[in-house]
Amino acid sequence: MTVLDSFAVIAYLRDEPAASEVEALIRRADARLTALGLAEVVNHLLRVIKVEEEQAALDLAEIGLLDALAGGG
């Protein structure tokens, strides 16, 4: 299992220089995000980037991380 750091996911969503490396990890079937990591990503998207809640949820669902929480079974 690969547990992603919240800042890696944020870098991917913002298309920062590390985005391609993070994308490769996300595409692996075993990529996961902890519940705390998910909360940090959502908090950053809402407070810093100022996206709407619905858009934040869509962004995370689109890359499959809402269903891929570490320790979720």
PDB file of N, CA and C in Angstrom:
ATOM      1  N   MET A   1       0.848  -1.177   0.000  1.00  0.00           N
ATOM      2  CA  MET A   1       0.000   0.000   0.000  1.00  0.00           C
ATOM      3  C   MET A   1       0.894   1.240   0.000  1.00  0.00           C
ATOM      4  N   THR A   2       0.514   2.226  -0.792  1.00  0.00           N
ATOM      5  CA  THR A   2       1.205   3.511  -0.835  1.00  0.00           C
ATOM      6  C   THR A   2       0.308   4.552  -0.183  1.00  0.00           C
ATOM      7  N   VAL A   3       0.742   5.101   0.947  1.00  0.00           N
ATOM      8  CA  VAL A   3      -0.038   6.136   1.631  1.00  0.00           C
ATOM      9  C   VAL A   3       0.497   7.497   1.194  1.00  0.00           C
ATOM     10  N   LEU A   4      -0.375   8.273   0.590  1.00  0.00           N
ATOM     11  CA  LEU A   4       0.016   9.582   0.063  1.00  0.00           C
ATOM     12  C   LEU A   4      -0.047  10.652   1.136  1.00  0.00           C
ATOM     13  N   ASP A   5       0.875  11.567   1.069  1.00  0.00           N
ATOM     14  CA  ASP A   5       0.891  12.739   1.934  1.00  0.00           C
ATOM     15  C   ASP A   5      -0.072  13.779   1.362  1.00  0.00           C
ATOM     16  N   SER A   6      -0.697  14.539   2.225  1.00  0.00           N
ATOM     17  CA  SER A   6      -1.664  15.538   1.752  1.00  0.00           C
ATOM     18  C   SER A   6      -1.022  16.574   0.825  1.00  0.00           C
ATOM     19  N   PHE A   7       0.216  16.950   1.102  1.00  0.00           N
ATOM     20  CA  PHE A   7       0.854  17.952   0.253  1.00  0.00           C
ATOM     21  C   PHE A   7       1.179  17.388  -1.129  1.00  0.00           C
ATOM     22  N   ALA A   8       1.394  16.086  -1.220  1.00  0.00           N
ATOM     23  CA  ALA A   8       1.584  15.460  -2.533  1.00  0.00           C
ATOM     24  C   ALA A   8       0.300  15.553  -3.344  1.00  0.00           C
ATOM     25  N   VAL A   9      -0.823  15.284  -2.705  1.00  0.00           N
ATOM     26  CA  VAL A   9      -2.114  15.352  -3.395  1.00  0.00           C
ATOM     27  C   VAL A   9      -2.419  16.788  -3.806  1.00  0.00           C
ATOM     28  N   ILE A  10      -2.130  17.735  -2.938  1.00  0.00           N
ATOM     29  CA  ILE A  10      -2.338  19.152  -3.268  1.00  0.00           C
ATOM     30  C   ILE A  10      -1.461  19.545  -4.448  1.00  0.00           C
ATOM     31  N   ALA A  11      -0.217  19.089  -4.463  1.00  0.00           N
ATOM     32  CA  ALA A  11       0.677  19.383  -5.592  1.00  0.00           C
ATOM     33  C   ALA A  11       0.104  18.831  -6.886  1.00  0.00           C
ATOM     34  N   TYR A  12      -0.461  17.642  -6.816  1.00  0.00           N
ATOM     35  CA  TYR A  12      -1.081  17.049  -8.003  1.00  0.00           C
ATOM     36  C   TYR A  12      -2.275  17.883  -8.467  1.00  0.00           C
ATOM     37  N   LEU A  13      -3.156  18.223  -7.539  1.00  0.00           N
ATOM     38  CA  LEU A  13      -4.363  18.981  -7.897  1.00  0.00           C
ATOM     39  C   LEU A  13      -4.043  20.372  -8.435  1.00  0.00           C
ATOM     40  N   ARG A  14      -2.938  20.945  -7.977  1.00  0.00           N
ATOM     41  CA  ARG A  14      -2.550  22.284  -8.430  1.00  0.00           C
ATOM     42  C   ARG A  14      -1.591  22.250  -9.617  1.00  0.00           C
ATOM     43  N   ASP A  15      -1.314  21.052 -10.107  1.00  0.00           N
ATOM     44  CA  ASP A  15      -0.415  20.860 -11.253  1.00  0.00           C
ATOM     45  C   ASP A  15       0.941  21.498 -11.005  1.00  0.00           C
ATOM     46  N   GLU A  16       1.454  21.288  -9.801  1.00  0.00           N
ATOM     47  CA  GLU A  16       2.773  21.786  -9.438  1.00  0.00           C
ATOM     48  C   GLU A  16       3.850  20.858 -10.011  1.00  0.00           C
ATOM     49  N   PRO A  17       5.132  21.232  -9.920  1.00  0.00           N
ATOM     50  CA  PRO A  17       6.201  20.439 -10.533  1.00  0.00           C
ATOM     51  C   PRO A  17       6.191  18.943 -10.173  1.00  0.00           C
ATOM     52  N   ALA A  18       5.768  18.572  -8.995  1.00  0.00           N
ATOM     53  CA  ALA A  18       5.763  17.161  -8.586  1.00  0.00           C
ATOM     54  C   ALA A  18       4.532  16.405  -9.070  1.00  0.00           C
ATOM     55  N   ALA A  19       3.645  17.064  -9.770  1.00  0.00           N
ATOM     56  CA  ALA A  19       2.371  16.463 -10.159  1.00  0.00           C
ATOM     57  C   ALA A  19       2.517  15.160 -10.937  1.00  0.00           C
ATOM     58  N   SER A  20       3.477  15.086 -11.832  1.00  0.00           N
ATOM     59  CA  SER A  20       3.616  13.864 -12.633  1.00  0.00           C
ATOM     60  C   SER A  20       4.040  12.668 -11.776  1.00  0.00           C
ATOM     61  N   GLU A  21       4.919  12.899 -10.806  1.00  0.00           N
ATOM     62  CA  GLU A  21       5.323  11.818  -9.917  1.00  0.00           C
ATOM     63  C   GLU A  21       4.163  11.363  -9.037  1.00  0.00           C
ATOM     64  N   VAL A  22       3.390  12.327  -8.555  1.00  0.00           N
ATOM     65  CA  VAL A  22       2.236  11.997  -7.711  1.00  0.00           C
ATOM     66  C   VAL A  22       1.181  11.267  -8.539  1.00  0.00           C
ATOM     67  N   GLU A  23       0.985  11.707  -9.775  1.00  0.00           N
ATOM     68  CA  GLU A  23       0.015  11.042 -10.647  1.00  0.00           C
ATOM     69  C   GLU A  23       0.370   9.568 -10.828  1.00  0.00           C
ATOM     70  N   ALA A  24       1.646   9.282 -10.998  1.00  0.00           N
ATOM     71  CA  ALA A  24       2.084   7.893 -11.144  1.00  0.00           C
ATOM     72  C   ALA A  24       1.730   7.080  -9.897  1.00  0.00           C
ATOM     73  N   LEU A  25       1.874   7.675  -8.736  1.00  0.00           N
ATOM     74  CA  LEU A  25       1.513   6.980  -7.492  1.00  0.00           C
ATOM     75  C   LEU A  25       0.008   6.804  -7.367  1.00  0.00           C
ATOM     76  N   ILE A  26      -0.751   7.832  -7.738  1.00  0.00           N
ATOM     77  CA  ILE A  26      -2.214   7.764  -7.646  1.00  0.00           C
ATOM     78  C   ILE A  26      -2.754   6.678  -8.568  1.00  0.00           C
ATOM     79  N   ARG A  27      -2.153   6.524  -9.725  1.00  0.00           N
ATOM     80  CA  ARG A  27      -2.620   5.533 -10.691  1.00  0.00           C
ATOM     81  C   ARG A  27      -2.372   4.092 -10.239  1.00  0.00           C
ATOM     82  N   ARG A  28      -1.501   3.919  -9.271  1.00  0.00           N
ATOM     83  CA  ARG A  28      -1.286   2.581  -8.725  1.00  0.00           C
ATOM     84  C   ARG A  28      -2.528   2.166  -7.954  1.00  0.00           C
ATOM     85  N   ALA A  29      -2.882   0.924  -8.051  1.00  0.00           N
ATOM     86  CA  ALA A  29      -4.106   0.434  -7.414  1.00  0.00           C
ATOM     87  C   ALA A  29      -4.054   0.505  -5.893  1.00  0.00           C
ATOM     88  N   ASP A  30      -2.855   0.591  -5.328  1.00  0.00           N
ATOM     89  CA  ASP A  30      -2.751   0.557  -3.869  1.00  0.00           C
ATOM     90  C   ASP A  30      -2.571   1.934  -3.229  1.00  0.00           C
ATOM     91  N   ALA A  31      -2.750   3.014  -3.975  1.00  0.00           N
ATOM     92  CA  ALA A  31      -2.578   4.363  -3.414  1.00  0.00           C
ATOM     93  C   ALA A  31      -3.723   4.690  -2.470  1.00  0.00           C
ATOM     94  N   ARG A  32      -3.376   5.212  -1.309  1.00  0.00           N
ATOM     95  CA  ARG A  32      -4.360   5.543  -0.278  1.00  0.00           C
ATOM     96  C   ARG A  32      -4.048   6.907   0.314  1.00  0.00           C
ATOM     97  N   LEU A  33      -5.043   7.470   0.978  1.00  0.00           N
ATOM     98  CA  LEU A  33      -4.904   8.729   1.704  1.00  0.00           C
ATOM     99  C   LEU A  33      -5.518   8.509   3.071  1.00  0.00           C
ATOM    100  N   THR A  34      -4.845   8.920   4.132  1.00  0.00           N
ATOM    101  CA  THR A  34      -5.414   8.761   5.470  1.00  0.00           C
ATOM    102  C   THR A  34      -6.586   9.727   5.649  1.00  0.00           C
ATOM    103  N   ALA A  35      -7.416   9.473   6.638  1.00  0.00           N
ATOM    104  CA  ALA A  35      -8.531  10.371   6.916  1.00  0.00           C
ATOM    105  C   ALA A  35      -8.011  11.764   7.269  1.00  0.00           C
ATOM    106  N   LEU A  36      -6.921  11.819   8.013  1.00  0.00           N
ATOM    107  CA  LEU A  36      -6.318  13.109   8.357  1.00  0.00           C
ATOM    108  C   LEU A  36      -5.790  13.794   7.098  1.00  0.00           C
ATOM    109  N   GLY A  37      -5.146  13.025   6.221  1.00  0.00           N
ATOM    110  CA  GLY A  37      -4.655  13.577   4.962  1.00  0.00           C
ATOM    111  C   GLY A  37      -5.786  14.128   4.118  1.00  0.00           C
ATOM    112  N   LEU A  38      -6.892  13.390   4.070  1.00  0.00           N
ATOM    113  CA  LEU A  38      -8.070  13.855   3.334  1.00  0.00           C
ATOM    114  C   LEU A  38      -8.567  15.180   3.911  1.00  0.00           C
ATOM    115  N   ALA A  39      -8.638  15.260   5.233  1.00  0.00           N
ATOM    116  CA  ALA A  39      -9.085  16.492   5.878  1.00  0.00           C
ATOM    117  C   ALA A  39      -8.143  17.655   5.562  1.00  0.00           C
ATOM    118  N   GLU A  40      -6.843  17.385   5.549  1.00  0.00           N
ATOM    119  CA  GLU A  40      -5.874  18.440   5.229  1.00  0.00           C
ATOM    120  C   GLU A  40      -6.021  18.916   3.790  1.00  0.00           C
ATOM    121  N   VAL A  41      -6.234  17.993   2.863  1.00  0.00           N
ATOM    122  CA  VAL A  41      -6.415  18.377   1.460  1.00  0.00           C
ATOM    123  C   VAL A  41      -7.680  19.214   1.304  1.00  0.00           C
ATOM    124  N   VAL A  42      -8.775  18.757   1.878  1.00  0.00           N
ATOM    125  CA  VAL A  42     -10.039  19.493   1.778  1.00  0.00           C
ATOM    126  C   VAL A  42      -9.904  20.868   2.418  1.00  0.00           C
ATOM    127  N   ASN A  43      -9.281  20.938   3.585  1.00  0.00           N
ATOM    128  CA  ASN A  43      -9.082  22.219   4.255  1.00  0.00           C
ATOM    129  C   ASN A  43      -8.281  23.176   3.370  1.00  0.00           C
ATOM    130  N   HIS A  44      -7.215  22.679   2.756  1.00  0.00           N
ATOM    131  CA  HIS A  44      -6.388  23.520   1.879  1.00  0.00           C
ATOM    132  C   HIS A  44      -7.192  23.989   0.665  1.00  0.00           C
ATOM    133  N   LEU A  45      -7.931  23.077   0.066  1.00  0.00           N
ATOM    134  CA  LEU A  45      -8.730  23.456  -1.106  1.00  0.00           C
ATOM    135  C   LEU A  45      -9.762  24.531  -0.755  1.00  0.00           C
ATOM    136  N   LEU A  46     -10.406  24.386   0.390  1.00  0.00           N
ATOM    137  CA  LEU A  46     -11.459  25.331   0.781  1.00  0.00           C
ATOM    138  C   LEU A  46     -10.904  26.664   1.265  1.00  0.00           C
ATOM    139  N   ARG A  47      -9.905  26.630   2.131  1.00  0.00           N
ATOM    140  CA  ARG A  47      -9.416  27.861   2.764  1.00  0.00           C
ATOM    141  C   ARG A  47      -8.363  28.610   1.956  1.00  0.00           C
ATOM    142  N   VAL A  48      -7.461  27.883   1.325  1.00  0.00           N
ATOM    143  CA  VAL A  48      -6.354  28.536   0.624  1.00  0.00           C
ATOM    144  C   VAL A  48      -6.685  28.783  -0.841  1.00  0.00           C
ATOM    145  N   ILE A  49      -7.168  27.742  -1.510  1.00  0.00           N
ATOM    146  CA  ILE A  49      -7.460  27.874  -2.932  1.00  0.00           C
ATOM    147  C   ILE A  49      -8.845  28.463  -3.168  1.00  0.00           C
ATOM    148  N   LYS A  50      -9.695  28.383  -2.152  1.00  0.00           N
ATOM    149  CA  LYS A  50     -11.045  28.967  -2.199  1.00  0.00           C
ATOM    150  C   LYS A  50     -11.976  28.284  -3.196  1.00  0.00           C
ATOM    151  N   VAL A  51     -11.879  26.942  -3.286  1.00  0.00           N
ATOM    152  CA  VAL A  51     -12.829  26.223  -4.125  1.00  0.00           C
ATOM    153  C   VAL A  51     -14.077  25.920  -3.303  1.00  0.00           C
ATOM    154  N   GLU A  52     -15.165  25.676  -3.978  1.00  0.00           N
ATOM    155  CA  GLU A  52     -16.410  25.303  -3.304  1.00  0.00           C
ATOM    156  C   GLU A  52     -16.287  23.867  -2.785  1.00  0.00           C
ATOM    157  N   GLU A  53     -17.042  23.549  -1.734  1.00  0.00           N
ATOM    158  CA  GLU A  53     -16.998  22.207  -1.146  1.00  0.00           C
ATOM    159  C   GLU A  53     -17.298  21.133  -2.179  1.00  0.00           C
ATOM    160  N   GLU A  54     -18.304  21.370  -2.993  1.00  0.00           N
ATOM    161  CA  GLU A  54     -18.689  20.394  -4.002  1.00  0.00           C
ATOM    162  C   GLU A  54     -17.547  20.138  -4.990  1.00  0.00           C
ATOM    163  N   GLN A  55     -16.855  21.185  -5.389  1.00  0.00           N
ATOM    164  CA  GLN A  55     -15.743  21.030  -6.313  1.00  0.00           C
ATOM    165  C   GLN A  55     -14.595  20.262  -5.667  1.00  0.00           C
ATOM    166  N   ALA A  56     -14.327  20.532  -4.385  1.00  0.00           N
ATOM    167  CA  ALA A  56     -13.272  19.808  -3.678  1.00  0.00           C
ATOM    168  C   ALA A  56     -13.587  18.315  -3.646  1.00  0.00           C
ATOM    169  N   ALA A  57     -14.831  17.982  -3.337  1.00  0.00           N
ATOM    170  CA  ALA A  57     -15.241  16.573  -3.305  1.00  0.00           C
ATOM    171  C   ALA A  57     -15.128  15.947  -4.684  1.00  0.00           C
ATOM    172  N   LEU A  58     -15.516  16.674  -5.717  1.00  0.00           N
ATOM    173  CA  LEU A  58     -15.419  16.160  -7.087  1.00  0.00           C
ATOM    174  C   LEU A  58     -13.971  15.922  -7.491  1.00  0.00           C
ATOM    175  N   ASP A  59     -13.091  16.848  -7.127  1.00  0.00           N
ATOM    176  CA  ASP A  59     -11.673  16.706  -7.457  1.00  0.00           C
ATOM    177  C   ASP A  59     -11.100  15.428  -6.839  1.00  0.00           C
ATOM    178  N   LEU A  60     -11.413  15.192  -5.576  1.00  0.00           N
ATOM    179  CA  LEU A  60     -10.892  14.011  -4.895  1.00  0.00           C
ATOM    180  C   LEU A  60     -11.546  12.731  -5.397  1.00  0.00           C
ATOM    181  N   ALA A  61     -12.831  12.788  -5.704  1.00  0.00           N
ATOM    182  CA  ALA A  61     -13.512  11.609  -6.235  1.00  0.00           C
ATOM    183  C   ALA A  61     -12.979  11.257  -7.620  1.00  0.00           C
ATOM    184  N   GLU A  62     -12.692  12.274  -8.410  1.00  0.00           N
ATOM    185  CA  GLU A  62     -12.196  12.060  -9.767  1.00  0.00           C
ATOM    186  C   GLU A  62     -10.886  11.281  -9.793  1.00  0.00           C
ATOM    187  N   ILE A  63     -10.045  11.513  -8.810  1.00  0.00           N
ATOM    188  CA  ILE A  63      -8.776  10.786  -8.778  1.00  0.00           C
ATOM    189  C   ILE A  63      -8.852   9.541  -7.888  1.00  0.00           C
ATOM    190  N   GLY A  64     -10.036   9.245  -7.380  1.00  0.00           N
ATOM    191  CA  GLY A  64     -10.269   7.997  -6.655  1.00  0.00           C
ATOM    192  C   GLY A  64      -9.825   7.980  -5.218  1.00  0.00           C
ATOM    193  N   LEU A  65      -9.589   9.133  -4.621  1.00  0.00           N
ATOM    194  CA  LEU A  65      -9.077   9.136  -3.256  1.00  0.00           C
ATOM    195  C   LEU A  65     -10.161   9.207  -2.174  1.00  0.00           C
ATOM    196  N   LEU A  66     -11.401   9.473  -2.547  1.00  0.00           N
ATOM    197  CA  LEU A  66     -12.457   9.452  -1.540  1.00  0.00           C
ATOM    198  C   LEU A  66     -12.768   8.032  -1.118  1.00  0.00           C
ATOM    199  N   ASP A  67     -12.614   7.099  -2.029  1.00  0.00           N
ATOM    200  CA  ASP A  67     -12.900   5.703  -1.732  1.00  0.00           C
ATOM    201  C   ASP A  67     -11.666   4.933  -1.283  1.00  0.00           C
ATOM    202  N   ALA A  68     -10.529   5.607  -1.232  1.00  0.00           N
ATOM    203  CA  ALA A  68      -9.271   4.910  -0.973  1.00  0.00           C
ATOM    204  C   ALA A  68      -8.605   5.421   0.299  1.00  0.00           C
ATOM    205  N   LEU A  69      -9.323   5.397   1.405  1.00  0.00           N
ATOM    206  CA  LEU A  69      -8.741   5.830   2.668  1.00  0.00           C
ATOM    207  C   LEU A  69      -7.918   4.705   3.280  1.00  0.00           C
ATOM    208  N   ALA A  70      -6.753   5.019   3.775  1.00  0.00           N
ATOM    209  CA  ALA A  70      -5.886   4.024   4.410  1.00  0.00           C
ATOM    210  C   ALA A  70      -6.575   3.490   5.672  1.00  0.00           C
ATOM    211  N   GLY A  71      -6.479   2.217   5.872  1.00  0.00           N
ATOM    212  CA  GLY A  71      -7.068   1.601   7.054  1.00  0.00           C
ATOM    213  C   GLY A  71      -8.558   1.368   6.930  1.00  0.00           C
ATOM    214  N   GLY A  72      -9.104   1.632   5.755  1.00  0.00           N
ATOM    215  CA  GLY A  72     -10.543   1.502   5.550  1.00  0.00           C
ATOM    216  C   GLY A  72     -10.995   0.102   5.171  1.00  0.00           C
ATOM    217  N   GLY A  73     -10.141  -0.878   5.318  1.00  0.00           N
ATOM    218  CA  GLY A  73     -10.569  -2.236   5.078  1.00  0.00           C
ATOM    219  C   GLY A  73      -9.788  -3.009   4.127  1.00  0.00           C
TER     220      GLY A  73
END
